């Protein structure tokens, strides 16, 4: 389990090479997989590495889903605070 967090950190580091992005590289690969053969291949490579290291299948898709859920939660938090009168 700990190794998965290390790989997520590696993914954050890789994403820094893509200008203006502070996201998981694997999530970016999933999101852009149909834009070009390069992104499609990168997604396959990243998924393969995670499968080899952690046994996780579909890592890029799951990283993208986690990111999307975190963004939705971040948008909802101020609304919940306003509703609570804080």
N, C-alpha and C. Protein backbone atom coordinates (compact mmCIF):
# COMPACT_ATOMS: atom_id res chain seq x y z
N UNK A 1 0.82 -1.19 0.00
CA UNK A 1 0.00 0.00 0.00
C UNK A 1 0.87 1.26 0.00
N UNK A 2 1.93 1.24 0.81
CA UNK A 2 2.81 2.40 0.88
C UNK A 2 3.43 2.70 -0.48
N UNK A 3 3.80 1.63 -1.22
CA UNK A 3 4.40 1.82 -2.52
C UNK A 3 3.46 2.57 -3.47
N UNK A 4 2.16 2.33 -3.35
CA UNK A 4 1.19 3.04 -4.18
C UNK A 4 1.24 4.53 -3.95
N UNK A 5 1.40 4.94 -2.68
CA UNK A 5 1.51 6.37 -2.38
C UNK A 5 2.79 6.93 -2.98
N UNK A 6 3.88 6.16 -2.94
CA UNK A 6 5.13 6.60 -3.55
C UNK A 6 4.94 6.78 -5.05
N UNK A 7 4.19 5.86 -5.67
CA UNK A 7 3.95 5.97 -7.10
C UNK A 7 3.05 7.16 -7.41
N UNK A 8 2.09 7.48 -6.53
CA UNK A 8 1.28 8.68 -6.73
C UNK A 8 2.16 9.92 -6.66
N UNK A 9 3.12 9.94 -5.75
CA UNK A 9 4.04 11.08 -5.65
C UNK A 9 4.88 11.18 -6.92
N UNK A 10 5.33 10.04 -7.43
CA UNK A 10 6.06 10.03 -8.70
C UNK A 10 5.18 10.60 -9.80
N UNK A 11 3.92 10.23 -9.80
CA UNK A 11 2.98 10.74 -10.80
C UNK A 11 2.84 12.25 -10.69
N UNK A 12 2.78 12.79 -9.45
CA UNK A 12 2.73 14.25 -9.28
C UNK A 12 4.00 14.89 -9.84
N UNK A 13 5.15 14.27 -9.60
CA UNK A 13 6.41 14.82 -10.11
C UNK A 13 6.43 14.82 -11.64
N UNK A 14 5.97 13.73 -12.24
CA UNK A 14 5.92 13.67 -13.70
C UNK A 14 4.99 14.75 -14.26
N UNK A 15 3.90 15.02 -13.58
CA UNK A 15 2.94 16.02 -14.06
C UNK A 15 3.56 17.41 -14.09
N UNK A 16 4.56 17.66 -13.26
CA UNK A 16 5.18 18.99 -13.24
C UNK A 16 5.90 19.29 -14.55
N UNK A 17 6.25 18.24 -15.31
CA UNK A 17 6.89 18.46 -16.60
C UNK A 17 5.88 18.91 -17.65
N UNK A 18 4.62 18.79 -17.35
CA UNK A 18 3.57 19.26 -18.25
C UNK A 18 3.15 20.62 -17.74
N UNK A 19 3.49 21.69 -18.46
CA UNK A 19 3.31 23.06 -17.96
C UNK A 19 1.90 23.36 -17.46
N UNK A 20 1.84 23.99 -16.31
CA UNK A 20 0.57 24.47 -15.78
C UNK A 20 -0.30 23.42 -15.14
N UNK A 21 0.22 22.24 -14.94
CA UNK A 21 -0.59 21.16 -14.37
C UNK A 21 -0.04 20.77 -13.00
N UNK A 22 -0.89 20.76 -12.00
CA UNK A 22 -0.53 20.22 -10.70
C UNK A 22 -1.51 19.08 -10.43
N UNK A 23 -1.36 18.04 -11.20
CA UNK A 23 -2.27 16.91 -11.16
C UNK A 23 -1.47 15.63 -11.26
N UNK A 24 -2.13 14.52 -11.03
CA UNK A 24 -1.48 13.23 -11.23
C UNK A 24 -1.25 13.00 -12.72
N UNK A 25 -0.03 12.64 -13.07
CA UNK A 25 0.29 12.38 -14.47
C UNK A 25 -0.61 11.28 -15.02
N UNK A 26 -0.89 10.28 -14.19
CA UNK A 26 -1.73 9.17 -14.65
C UNK A 26 -3.15 9.64 -14.98
N UNK A 27 -3.67 10.61 -14.21
CA UNK A 27 -5.00 11.15 -14.50
C UNK A 27 -4.99 11.93 -15.80
N UNK A 28 -3.90 12.66 -16.03
CA UNK A 28 -3.77 13.41 -17.29
C UNK A 28 -3.73 12.43 -18.46
N UNK A 29 -3.00 11.33 -18.30
CA UNK A 29 -2.93 10.31 -19.36
C UNK A 29 -4.31 9.77 -19.69
N UNK A 30 -5.11 9.50 -18.66
CA UNK A 30 -6.45 8.96 -18.89
C UNK A 30 -7.32 9.98 -19.61
N UNK A 31 -7.26 11.21 -19.15
CA UNK A 31 -8.11 12.26 -19.71
C UNK A 31 -7.78 12.53 -21.18
N UNK A 32 -6.52 12.43 -21.55
CA UNK A 32 -6.08 12.80 -22.90
C UNK A 32 -5.78 11.61 -23.79
N UNK A 33 -6.17 10.42 -23.37
CA UNK A 33 -5.80 9.20 -24.08
C UNK A 33 -6.27 9.16 -25.53
N UNK A 34 -7.33 9.86 -25.87
CA UNK A 34 -7.83 9.82 -27.25
C UNK A 34 -7.34 11.00 -28.07
N UNK A 35 -6.57 11.89 -27.49
CA UNK A 35 -6.10 13.08 -28.23
C UNK A 35 -4.98 12.77 -29.19
N UNK A 36 -4.15 11.82 -28.84
CA UNK A 36 -3.04 11.46 -29.73
C UNK A 36 -2.54 10.06 -29.38
N UNK A 37 -1.86 9.43 -30.32
CA UNK A 37 -1.29 8.11 -30.04
C UNK A 37 -0.27 8.15 -28.89
N UNK A 38 0.40 9.29 -28.72
CA UNK A 38 1.39 9.41 -27.64
C UNK A 38 0.71 9.30 -26.28
N UNK A 39 -0.38 10.04 -26.07
CA UNK A 39 -1.09 9.97 -24.79
C UNK A 39 -1.68 8.58 -24.57
N UNK A 40 -2.16 7.97 -25.64
CA UNK A 40 -2.71 6.61 -25.53
C UNK A 40 -1.62 5.65 -25.07
N UNK A 41 -0.44 5.76 -25.69
CA UNK A 41 0.68 4.89 -25.33
C UNK A 41 1.16 5.16 -23.91
N UNK A 42 1.22 6.44 -23.52
CA UNK A 42 1.62 6.77 -22.15
C UNK A 42 0.67 6.17 -21.13
N UNK A 43 -0.61 6.23 -21.43
CA UNK A 43 -1.59 5.64 -20.51
C UNK A 43 -1.36 4.14 -20.37
N UNK A 44 -1.09 3.47 -21.48
CA UNK A 44 -0.82 2.03 -21.42
C UNK A 44 0.43 1.73 -20.60
N UNK A 45 1.47 2.54 -20.80
CA UNK A 45 2.72 2.33 -20.06
C UNK A 45 2.50 2.55 -18.57
N UNK A 46 1.85 3.65 -18.20
CA UNK A 46 1.60 3.95 -16.79
C UNK A 46 0.75 2.85 -16.16
N UNK A 47 -0.32 2.45 -16.83
CA UNK A 47 -1.16 1.37 -16.29
C UNK A 47 -0.36 0.08 -16.12
N UNK A 48 0.50 -0.21 -17.08
CA UNK A 48 1.31 -1.43 -17.01
C UNK A 48 2.27 -1.38 -15.81
N UNK A 49 2.93 -0.23 -15.61
CA UNK A 49 3.86 -0.09 -14.49
C UNK A 49 3.13 -0.28 -13.17
N UNK A 50 1.98 0.35 -13.01
CA UNK A 50 1.22 0.21 -11.77
C UNK A 50 0.74 -1.23 -11.59
N UNK A 51 0.35 -1.88 -12.67
CA UNK A 51 -0.09 -3.27 -12.57
C UNK A 51 1.07 -4.17 -12.14
N UNK A 52 2.25 -3.93 -12.71
CA UNK A 52 3.43 -4.72 -12.34
C UNK A 52 3.83 -4.49 -10.89
N UNK A 53 3.78 -3.22 -10.44
CA UNK A 53 4.26 -2.86 -9.10
C UNK A 53 3.25 -3.16 -8.00
N UNK A 54 1.98 -2.86 -8.24
CA UNK A 54 0.99 -2.93 -7.16
C UNK A 54 -0.13 -3.93 -7.43
N UNK A 55 -0.20 -4.43 -8.66
CA UNK A 55 -1.29 -5.33 -9.02
C UNK A 55 -2.57 -4.60 -9.37
N UNK A 56 -2.53 -3.28 -9.34
CA UNK A 56 -3.72 -2.47 -9.62
C UNK A 56 -3.98 -2.42 -11.13
N UNK A 57 -5.19 -2.75 -11.51
CA UNK A 57 -5.60 -2.64 -12.91
C UNK A 57 -6.32 -1.31 -13.11
N UNK A 58 -6.11 -0.66 -14.23
CA UNK A 58 -6.84 0.57 -14.54
C UNK A 58 -6.45 1.74 -13.66
N UNK A 59 -5.16 1.86 -13.34
CA UNK A 59 -4.73 2.92 -12.42
C UNK A 59 -5.06 4.31 -12.95
N UNK A 60 -4.82 4.57 -14.22
CA UNK A 60 -5.05 5.91 -14.77
C UNK A 60 -6.51 6.32 -14.62
N UNK A 61 -7.41 5.44 -14.93
CA UNK A 61 -8.83 5.73 -14.80
C UNK A 61 -9.18 6.03 -13.34
N UNK A 62 -8.67 5.22 -12.42
CA UNK A 62 -8.96 5.41 -11.00
C UNK A 62 -8.36 6.72 -10.48
N UNK A 63 -7.16 7.06 -10.94
CA UNK A 63 -6.54 8.33 -10.52
C UNK A 63 -7.39 9.50 -11.01
N UNK A 64 -7.89 9.40 -12.23
CA UNK A 64 -8.74 10.46 -12.78
C UNK A 64 -10.03 10.57 -11.98
N UNK A 65 -10.62 9.44 -11.61
CA UNK A 65 -11.85 9.45 -10.80
C UNK A 65 -11.60 10.05 -9.43
N UNK A 66 -10.48 9.68 -8.79
CA UNK A 66 -10.15 10.25 -7.47
C UNK A 66 -9.99 11.76 -7.56
N UNK A 67 -9.27 12.21 -8.59
CA UNK A 67 -9.08 13.65 -8.78
C UNK A 67 -10.41 14.36 -8.96
N UNK A 68 -11.27 13.79 -9.78
CA UNK A 68 -12.58 14.39 -10.05
C UNK A 68 -13.40 14.47 -8.77
N UNK A 69 -13.37 13.43 -7.96
CA UNK A 69 -14.11 13.42 -6.69
C UNK A 69 -13.54 14.45 -5.72
N UNK A 70 -12.21 14.59 -5.68
CA UNK A 70 -11.59 15.59 -4.80
C UNK A 70 -11.97 17.00 -5.22
N UNK A 71 -12.00 17.25 -6.53
CA UNK A 71 -12.39 18.59 -7.01
C UNK A 71 -13.84 18.87 -6.66
N UNK A 72 -14.71 17.88 -6.82
CA UNK A 72 -16.13 18.06 -6.49
C UNK A 72 -16.29 18.34 -5.00
N UNK A 73 -15.55 17.63 -4.17
CA UNK A 73 -15.63 17.84 -2.72
C UNK A 73 -15.11 19.23 -2.35
N UNK A 74 -14.05 19.67 -3.02
CA UNK A 74 -13.50 21.01 -2.75
C UNK A 74 -14.51 22.09 -3.12
N UNK A 75 -15.29 21.88 -4.18
CA UNK A 75 -16.31 22.86 -4.56
C UNK A 75 -17.47 22.86 -3.57
N UNK A 76 -17.80 21.68 -3.02
CA UNK A 76 -18.94 21.57 -2.11
C UNK A 76 -18.63 22.10 -0.72
N UNK A 77 -17.38 22.06 -0.30
CA UNK A 77 -17.03 22.47 1.06
C UNK A 77 -17.45 23.90 1.38
N UNK A 78 -17.13 24.90 0.54
CA UNK A 78 -17.58 26.26 0.86
C UNK A 78 -19.11 26.37 0.94
N UNK A 79 -19.81 25.63 0.10
CA UNK A 79 -21.28 25.66 0.14
C UNK A 79 -21.79 25.10 1.46
N UNK A 80 -21.17 24.02 1.94
CA UNK A 80 -21.58 23.44 3.22
C UNK A 80 -21.27 24.39 4.37
N UNK A 81 -20.13 25.09 4.29
CA UNK A 81 -19.79 26.05 5.34
C UNK A 81 -20.78 27.21 5.37
N UNK A 82 -21.16 27.70 4.19
CA UNK A 82 -22.15 28.79 4.13
C UNK A 82 -23.49 28.31 4.68
N UNK A 83 -23.88 27.11 4.34
CA UNK A 83 -25.15 26.57 4.83
C UNK A 83 -25.13 26.40 6.35
N UNK A 84 -23.95 26.13 6.91
CA UNK A 84 -23.84 25.98 8.36
C UNK A 84 -23.70 27.33 9.06
N UNK A 85 -23.59 28.41 8.27
CA UNK A 85 -23.47 29.74 8.85
C UNK A 85 -22.06 30.09 9.29
N UNK A 86 -21.06 29.41 8.74
CA UNK A 86 -19.67 29.70 9.11
C UNK A 86 -19.01 30.60 8.12
